[in-house]
Amino acid sequence: MSNKAELIQEMLDMQAKFIKYEQSGEYKAENNYVGGEWTEYRKRYQVLTNEVRELASKEANFWK
């Protein structure tokens, strides 16, 4: 399993890529849900957020 900092860095890299795409003028919201690269992006980002939340919760001893 990756450490929290690596997961967060991957999320930041993904955000930068998405912002570039969004500002290019080619962005269409339906691309996030109707197959293709951005659907996979959204799924991967959700996995990362869940992993970071779990790690942070364990560090804070939140889920006793």
PDB file of N, CA and C in Angstrom:
ATOM      1  N   MET A   1       0.835  -1.184   0.000  1.00  0.00           N
ATOM      2  CA  MET A   1       0.000   0.000   0.000  1.00  0.00           C
ATOM      3  C   MET A   1       0.880   1.248   0.000  1.00  0.00           C
ATOM      4  N   SER A   2       0.461   2.243  -0.731  1.00  0.00           N
ATOM      5  CA  SER A   2       1.200   3.494  -0.794  1.00  0.00           C
ATOM      6  C   SER A   2       0.992   4.288   0.491  1.00  0.00           C
ATOM      7  N   ASN A   3       1.945   5.139   0.769  1.00  0.00           N
ATOM      8  CA  ASN A   3       1.746   5.982   1.941  1.00  0.00           C
ATOM      9  C   ASN A   3       0.862   7.177   1.583  1.00  0.00           C
ATOM     10  N   LYS A   4       0.389   7.847   2.592  1.00  0.00           N
ATOM     11  CA  LYS A   4      -0.575   8.926   2.401  1.00  0.00           C
ATOM     12  C   LYS A   4      -0.019  10.036   1.509  1.00  0.00           C
ATOM     13  N   ALA A   5       1.227  10.415   1.700  1.00  0.00           N
ATOM     14  CA  ALA A   5       1.818  11.495   0.904  1.00  0.00           C
ATOM     15  C   ALA A   5       1.861  11.139  -0.582  1.00  0.00           C
ATOM     16  N   GLU A   6       2.164   9.889  -0.902  1.00  0.00           N
ATOM     17  CA  GLU A   6       2.183   9.457  -2.306  1.00  0.00           C
ATOM     18  C   GLU A   6       0.782   9.504  -2.907  1.00  0.00           C
ATOM     19  N   LEU A   7      -0.210   9.090  -2.142  1.00  0.00           N
ATOM     20  CA  LEU A   7      -1.591   9.122  -2.622  1.00  0.00           C
ATOM     21  C   LEU A   7      -2.045  10.558  -2.865  1.00  0.00           C
ATOM     22  N   ILE A   8      -1.710  11.427  -1.930  1.00  0.00           N
ATOM     23  CA  ILE A   8      -2.081  12.834  -2.079  1.00  0.00           C
ATOM     24  C   ILE A   8      -1.379  13.451  -3.283  1.00  0.00           C
ATOM     25  N   GLN A   9      -0.118  13.105  -3.504  1.00  0.00           N
ATOM     26  CA  GLN A   9       0.598  13.635  -4.662  1.00  0.00           C
ATOM     27  C   GLN A   9      -0.054  13.168  -5.961  1.00  0.00           C
ATOM     28  N   GLU A  10      -0.476  11.910  -6.002  1.00  0.00           N
ATOM     29  CA  GLU A  10      -1.170  11.410  -7.196  1.00  0.00           C
ATOM     30  C   GLU A  10      -2.466  12.195  -7.415  1.00  0.00           C
ATOM     31  N   MET A  11      -3.178  12.482  -6.330  1.00  0.00           N
ATOM     32  CA  MET A  11      -4.405  13.265  -6.449  1.00  0.00           C
ATOM     33  C   MET A  11      -4.120  14.668  -6.976  1.00  0.00           C
ATOM     34  N   LEU A  12      -3.056  15.299  -6.489  1.00  0.00           N
ATOM     35  CA  LEU A  12      -2.687  16.629  -6.958  1.00  0.00           C
ATOM     36  C   LEU A  12      -2.316  16.618  -8.437  1.00  0.00           C
ATOM     37  N   ASP A  13      -1.586  15.583  -8.854  1.00  0.00           N
ATOM     38  CA  ASP A  13      -1.235  15.447 -10.270  1.00  0.00           C
ATOM     39  C   ASP A  13      -2.486  15.285 -11.126  1.00  0.00           C
ATOM     40  N   MET A  14      -3.422  14.480 -10.630  1.00  0.00           N
ATOM     41  CA  MET A  14      -4.675  14.278 -11.360  1.00  0.00           C
ATOM     42  C   MET A  14      -5.465  15.578 -11.440  1.00  0.00           C
ATOM     43  N   GLN A  15      -5.486  16.339 -10.357  1.00  0.00           N
ATOM     44  CA  GLN A  15      -6.198  17.618 -10.363  1.00  0.00           C
ATOM     45  C   GLN A  15      -5.599  18.573 -11.388  1.00  0.00           C
ATOM     46  N   ALA A  16      -4.283  18.621 -11.447  1.00  0.00           N
ATOM     47  CA  ALA A  16      -3.609  19.503 -12.416  1.00  0.00           C
ATOM     48  C   ALA A  16      -3.982  19.105 -13.840  1.00  0.00           C
ATOM     49  N   LYS A  17      -4.012  17.805 -14.105  1.00  0.00           N
ATOM     50  CA  LYS A  17      -4.378  17.320 -15.437  1.00  0.00           C
ATOM     51  C   LYS A  17      -5.817  17.690 -15.762  1.00  0.00           C
ATOM     52  N   PHE A  18      -6.719  17.540 -14.797  1.00  0.00           N
ATOM     53  CA  PHE A  18      -8.122  17.863 -15.024  1.00  0.00           C
ATOM     54  C   PHE A  18      -8.320  19.357 -15.235  1.00  0.00           C
ATOM     55  N   ILE A  19      -7.643  20.177 -14.454  1.00  0.00           N
ATOM     56  CA  ILE A  19      -7.764  21.629 -14.605  1.00  0.00           C
ATOM     57  C   ILE A  19      -7.295  22.055 -15.996  1.00  0.00           C
ATOM     58  N   LYS A  20      -6.202  21.468 -16.454  1.00  0.00           N
ATOM     59  CA  LYS A  20      -5.704  21.779 -17.801  1.00  0.00           C
ATOM     60  C   LYS A  20      -6.752  21.408 -18.849  1.00  0.00           C
ATOM     61  N   TYR A  21      -7.349  20.228 -18.698  1.00  0.00           N
ATOM     62  CA  TYR A  21      -8.394  19.780 -19.625  1.00  0.00           C
ATOM     63  C   TYR A  21      -9.606  20.712 -19.560  1.00  0.00           C
ATOM     64  N   GLU A  22     -10.022  21.061 -18.359  1.00  0.00           N
ATOM     65  CA  GLU A  22     -11.200  21.913 -18.183  1.00  0.00           C
ATOM     66  C   GLU A  22     -10.980  23.286 -18.816  1.00  0.00           C
ATOM     67  N   GLN A  23      -9.792  23.831 -18.659  1.00  0.00           N
ATOM     68  CA  GLN A  23      -9.503  25.159 -19.190  1.00  0.00           C
ATOM     69  C   GLN A  23      -9.221  25.155 -20.692  1.00  0.00           C
ATOM     70  N   SER A  24      -9.060  23.979 -21.283  1.00  0.00           N
ATOM     71  CA  SER A  24      -8.784  23.888 -22.714  1.00  0.00           C
ATOM     72  C   SER A  24     -10.006  24.213 -23.562  1.00  0.00           C
ATOM     73  N   GLY A  25     -11.178  24.223 -22.951  1.00  0.00           N
ATOM     74  CA  GLY A  25     -12.398  24.474 -23.697  1.00  0.00           C
ATOM     75  C   GLY A  25     -13.036  23.209 -24.238  1.00  0.00           C
ATOM     76  N   GLU A  26     -12.397  22.057 -24.033  1.00  0.00           N
ATOM     77  CA  GLU A  26     -12.917  20.784 -24.531  1.00  0.00           C
ATOM     78  C   GLU A  26     -13.757  20.052 -23.479  1.00  0.00           C
ATOM     79  N   TYR A  27     -13.830  20.596 -22.291  1.00  0.00           N
ATOM     80  CA  TYR A  27     -14.507  19.926 -21.178  1.00  0.00           C
ATOM     81  C   TYR A  27     -16.005  19.790 -21.421  1.00  0.00           C
ATOM     82  N   LYS A  28     -16.501  18.566 -21.182  1.00  0.00           N
ATOM     83  CA  LYS A  28     -17.934  18.285 -21.203  1.00  0.00           C
ATOM     84  C   LYS A  28     -18.214  17.401 -20.001  1.00  0.00           C
ATOM     85  N   ALA A  29     -19.121  17.823 -19.153  1.00  0.00           N
ATOM     86  CA  ALA A  29     -19.408  17.103 -17.913  1.00  0.00           C
ATOM     87  C   ALA A  29     -19.789  15.649 -18.164  1.00  0.00           C
ATOM     88  N   GLU A  30     -20.498  15.367 -19.244  1.00  0.00           N
ATOM     89  CA  GLU A  30     -20.922  13.987 -19.503  1.00  0.00           C
ATOM     90  C   GLU A  30     -19.747  13.037 -19.727  1.00  0.00           C
ATOM     91  N   ASN A  31     -18.590  13.576 -20.088  1.00  0.00           N
ATOM     92  CA  ASN A  31     -17.405  12.726 -20.266  1.00  0.00           C
ATOM     93  C   ASN A  31     -16.939  12.098 -18.957  1.00  0.00           C
ATOM     94  N   ASN A  32     -17.374  12.657 -17.839  1.00  0.00           N
ATOM     95  CA  ASN A  32     -17.020  12.089 -16.541  1.00  0.00           C
ATOM     96  C   ASN A  32     -17.839  10.843 -16.232  1.00  0.00           C
ATOM     97  N   TYR A  33     -18.919  10.632 -16.955  1.00  0.00           N
ATOM     98  CA  TYR A  33     -19.839   9.555 -16.624  1.00  0.00           C
ATOM     99  C   TYR A  33     -20.116   8.588 -17.771  1.00  0.00           C
ATOM    100  N   VAL A  34     -19.754   8.939 -18.994  1.00  0.00           N
ATOM    101  CA  VAL A  34     -20.101   8.134 -20.157  1.00  0.00           C
ATOM    102  C   VAL A  34     -18.854   7.538 -20.801  1.00  0.00           C
ATOM    103  N   GLY A  35     -18.181   6.663 -20.079  1.00  0.00           N
ATOM    104  CA  GLY A  35     -17.033   5.955 -20.632  1.00  0.00           C
ATOM    105  C   GLY A  35     -15.835   6.843 -20.925  1.00  0.00           C
ATOM    106  N   GLY A  36     -14.754   6.205 -21.279  1.00  0.00           N
ATOM    107  CA  GLY A  36     -13.563   6.931 -21.657  1.00  0.00           C
ATOM    108  C   GLY A  36     -12.630   7.244 -20.507  1.00  0.00           C
ATOM    109  N   GLU A  37     -11.611   8.000 -20.832  1.00  0.00           N
ATOM    110  CA  GLU A  37     -10.539   8.327 -19.892  1.00  0.00           C
ATOM    111  C   GLU A  37     -11.055   9.029 -18.646  1.00  0.00           C
ATOM    112  N   TRP A  38     -11.998   9.954 -18.806  1.00  0.00           N
ATOM    113  CA  TRP A  38     -12.424  10.750 -17.658  1.00  0.00           C
ATOM    114  C   TRP A  38     -13.323   9.982 -16.705  1.00  0.00           C
ATOM    115  N   THR A  39     -13.995   8.954 -17.206  1.00  0.00           N
ATOM    116  CA  THR A  39     -14.757   8.080 -16.312  1.00  0.00           C
ATOM    117  C   THR A  39     -13.789   7.299 -15.434  1.00  0.00           C
ATOM    118  N   GLU A  40     -12.739   6.782 -16.041  1.00  0.00           N
ATOM    119  CA  GLU A  40     -11.713   6.061 -15.270  1.00  0.00           C
ATOM    120  C   GLU A  40     -11.004   7.002 -14.299  1.00  0.00           C
ATOM    121  N   TYR A  41     -10.770   8.215 -14.737  1.00  0.00           N
ATOM    122  CA  TYR A  41     -10.171   9.242 -13.873  1.00  0.00           C
ATOM    123  C   TYR A  41     -11.025   9.424 -12.617  1.00  0.00           C
ATOM    124  N   ARG A  42     -12.330   9.607 -12.819  1.00  0.00           N
ATOM    125  CA  ARG A  42     -13.245   9.839 -11.701  1.00  0.00           C
ATOM    126  C   ARG A  42     -13.253   8.646 -10.743  1.00  0.00           C
ATOM    127  N   LYS A  43     -13.269   7.445 -11.297  1.00  0.00           N
ATOM    128  CA  LYS A  43     -13.251   6.237 -10.454  1.00  0.00           C
ATOM    129  C   LYS A  43     -11.949   6.139  -9.667  1.00  0.00           C
ATOM    130  N   ARG A  44     -10.827   6.385 -10.321  1.00  0.00           N
ATOM    131  CA  ARG A  44      -9.530   6.317  -9.652  1.00  0.00           C
ATOM    132  C   ARG A  44      -9.430   7.383  -8.563  1.00  0.00           C
ATOM    133  N   TYR A  45      -9.914   8.576  -8.861  1.00  0.00           N
ATOM    134  CA  TYR A  45      -9.856   9.656  -7.878  1.00  0.00           C
ATOM    135  C   TYR A  45     -10.671   9.285  -6.640  1.00  0.00           C
ATOM    136  N   GLN A  46     -11.820   8.647  -6.841  1.00  0.00           N
ATOM    137  CA  GLN A  46     -12.646   8.227  -5.708  1.00  0.00           C
ATOM    138  C   GLN A  46     -11.930   7.182  -4.855  1.00  0.00           C
ATOM    139  N   VAL A  47     -11.238   6.254  -5.512  1.00  0.00           N
ATOM    140  CA  VAL A  47     -10.460   5.246  -4.786  1.00  0.00           C
ATOM    141  C   VAL A  47      -9.382   5.930  -3.941  1.00  0.00           C
ATOM    142  N   LEU A  48      -8.693   6.885  -4.536  1.00  0.00           N
ATOM    143  CA  LEU A  48      -7.640   7.595  -3.810  1.00  0.00           C
ATOM    144  C   LEU A  48      -8.199   8.353  -2.611  1.00  0.00           C
ATOM    145  N   THR A  49      -9.326   9.036  -2.793  1.00  0.00           N
ATOM    146  CA  THR A  49      -9.896   9.785  -1.680  1.00  0.00           C
ATOM    147  C   THR A  49     -10.304   8.854  -0.546  1.00  0.00           C
ATOM    148  N   ASN A  50     -10.835   7.695  -0.890  1.00  0.00           N
ATOM    149  CA  ASN A  50     -11.214   6.726   0.146  1.00  0.00           C
ATOM    150  C   ASN A  50      -9.986   6.227   0.903  1.00  0.00           C
ATOM    151  N   GLU A  51      -8.916   5.936   0.173  1.00  0.00           N
ATOM    152  CA  GLU A  51      -7.691   5.444   0.814  1.00  0.00           C
ATOM    153  C   GLU A  51      -7.078   6.505   1.734  1.00  0.00           C
ATOM    154  N   VAL A  52      -7.034   7.746   1.262  1.00  0.00           N
ATOM    155  CA  VAL A  52      -6.471   8.826   2.084  1.00  0.00           C
ATOM    156  C   VAL A  52      -7.327   9.035   3.328  1.00  0.00           C
ATOM    157  N   ARG A  53      -8.636   9.005   3.167  1.00  0.00           N
ATOM    158  CA  ARG A  53      -9.527   9.168   4.323  1.00  0.00           C
ATOM    159  C   ARG A  53      -9.309   8.056   5.347  1.00  0.00           C
ATOM    160  N   GLU A  54      -9.173   6.820   4.883  1.00  0.00           N
ATOM    161  CA  GLU A  54      -8.935   5.697   5.788  1.00  0.00           C
ATOM    162  C   GLU A  54      -7.613   5.850   6.528  1.00  0.00           C
ATOM    163  N   LEU A  55      -6.566   6.221   5.807  1.00  0.00           N
ATOM    164  CA  LEU A  55      -5.259   6.411   6.437  1.00  0.00           C
ATOM    165  C   LEU A  55      -5.297   7.538   7.469  1.00  0.00           C
ATOM    166  N   ALA A  56      -5.930   8.634   7.105  1.00  0.00           N
ATOM    167  CA  ALA A  56      -6.019   9.774   8.023  1.00  0.00           C
ATOM    168  C   ALA A  56      -6.847   9.406   9.255  1.00  0.00           C
ATOM    169  N   SER A  57      -7.897   8.644   9.057  1.00  0.00           N
ATOM    170  CA  SER A  57      -8.737   8.233  10.183  1.00  0.00           C
ATOM    171  C   SER A  57      -7.971   7.321  11.132  1.00  0.00           C
ATOM    172  N   LYS A  58      -7.163   6.425  10.574  1.00  0.00           N
ATOM    173  CA  LYS A  58      -6.343   5.547  11.416  1.00  0.00           C
ATOM    174  C   LYS A  58      -5.305   6.354  12.190  1.00  0.00           C
ATOM    175  N   GLU A  59      -4.693   7.342  11.519  1.00  0.00           N
ATOM    176  CA  GLU A  59      -3.713   8.190  12.196  1.00  0.00           C
ATOM    177  C   GLU A  59      -4.349   8.951  13.352  1.00  0.00           C
ATOM    178  N   ALA A  60      -5.583   9.394  13.156  1.00  0.00           N
ATOM    179  CA  ALA A  60      -6.282  10.159  14.186  1.00  0.00           C
ATOM    180  C   ALA A  60      -6.999   9.236  15.175  1.00  0.00           C
ATOM    181  N   ASN A  61      -6.908   7.932  14.931  1.00  0.00           N
ATOM    182  CA  ASN A  61      -7.564   6.925  15.770  1.00  0.00           C
ATOM    183  C   ASN A  61      -9.065   7.199  15.839  1.00  0.00           C
ATOM    184  N   PHE A  62      -9.633   7.565  14.688  1.00  0.00           N
ATOM    185  CA  PHE A  62     -11.025   7.963  14.601  1.00  0.00           C
ATOM    186  C   PHE A  62     -11.972   6.770  14.663  1.00  0.00           C
ATOM    187  N   TRP A  63     -11.594   5.656  14.048  1.00  0.00           N
ATOM    188  CA  TRP A  63     -12.490   4.492  13.933  1.00  0.00           C
ATOM    189  C   TRP A  63     -12.195   3.477  15.024  1.00  0.00           C
ATOM    190  N   LYS A  64     -12.338   3.833  16.244  1.00  0.00           N
ATOM    191  CA  LYS A  64     -12.079   2.916  17.369  1.00  0.00           C
ATOM    192  C   LYS A  64     -13.092   1.819  17.394  1.00  0.00           C
TER     193      LYS A  64
END
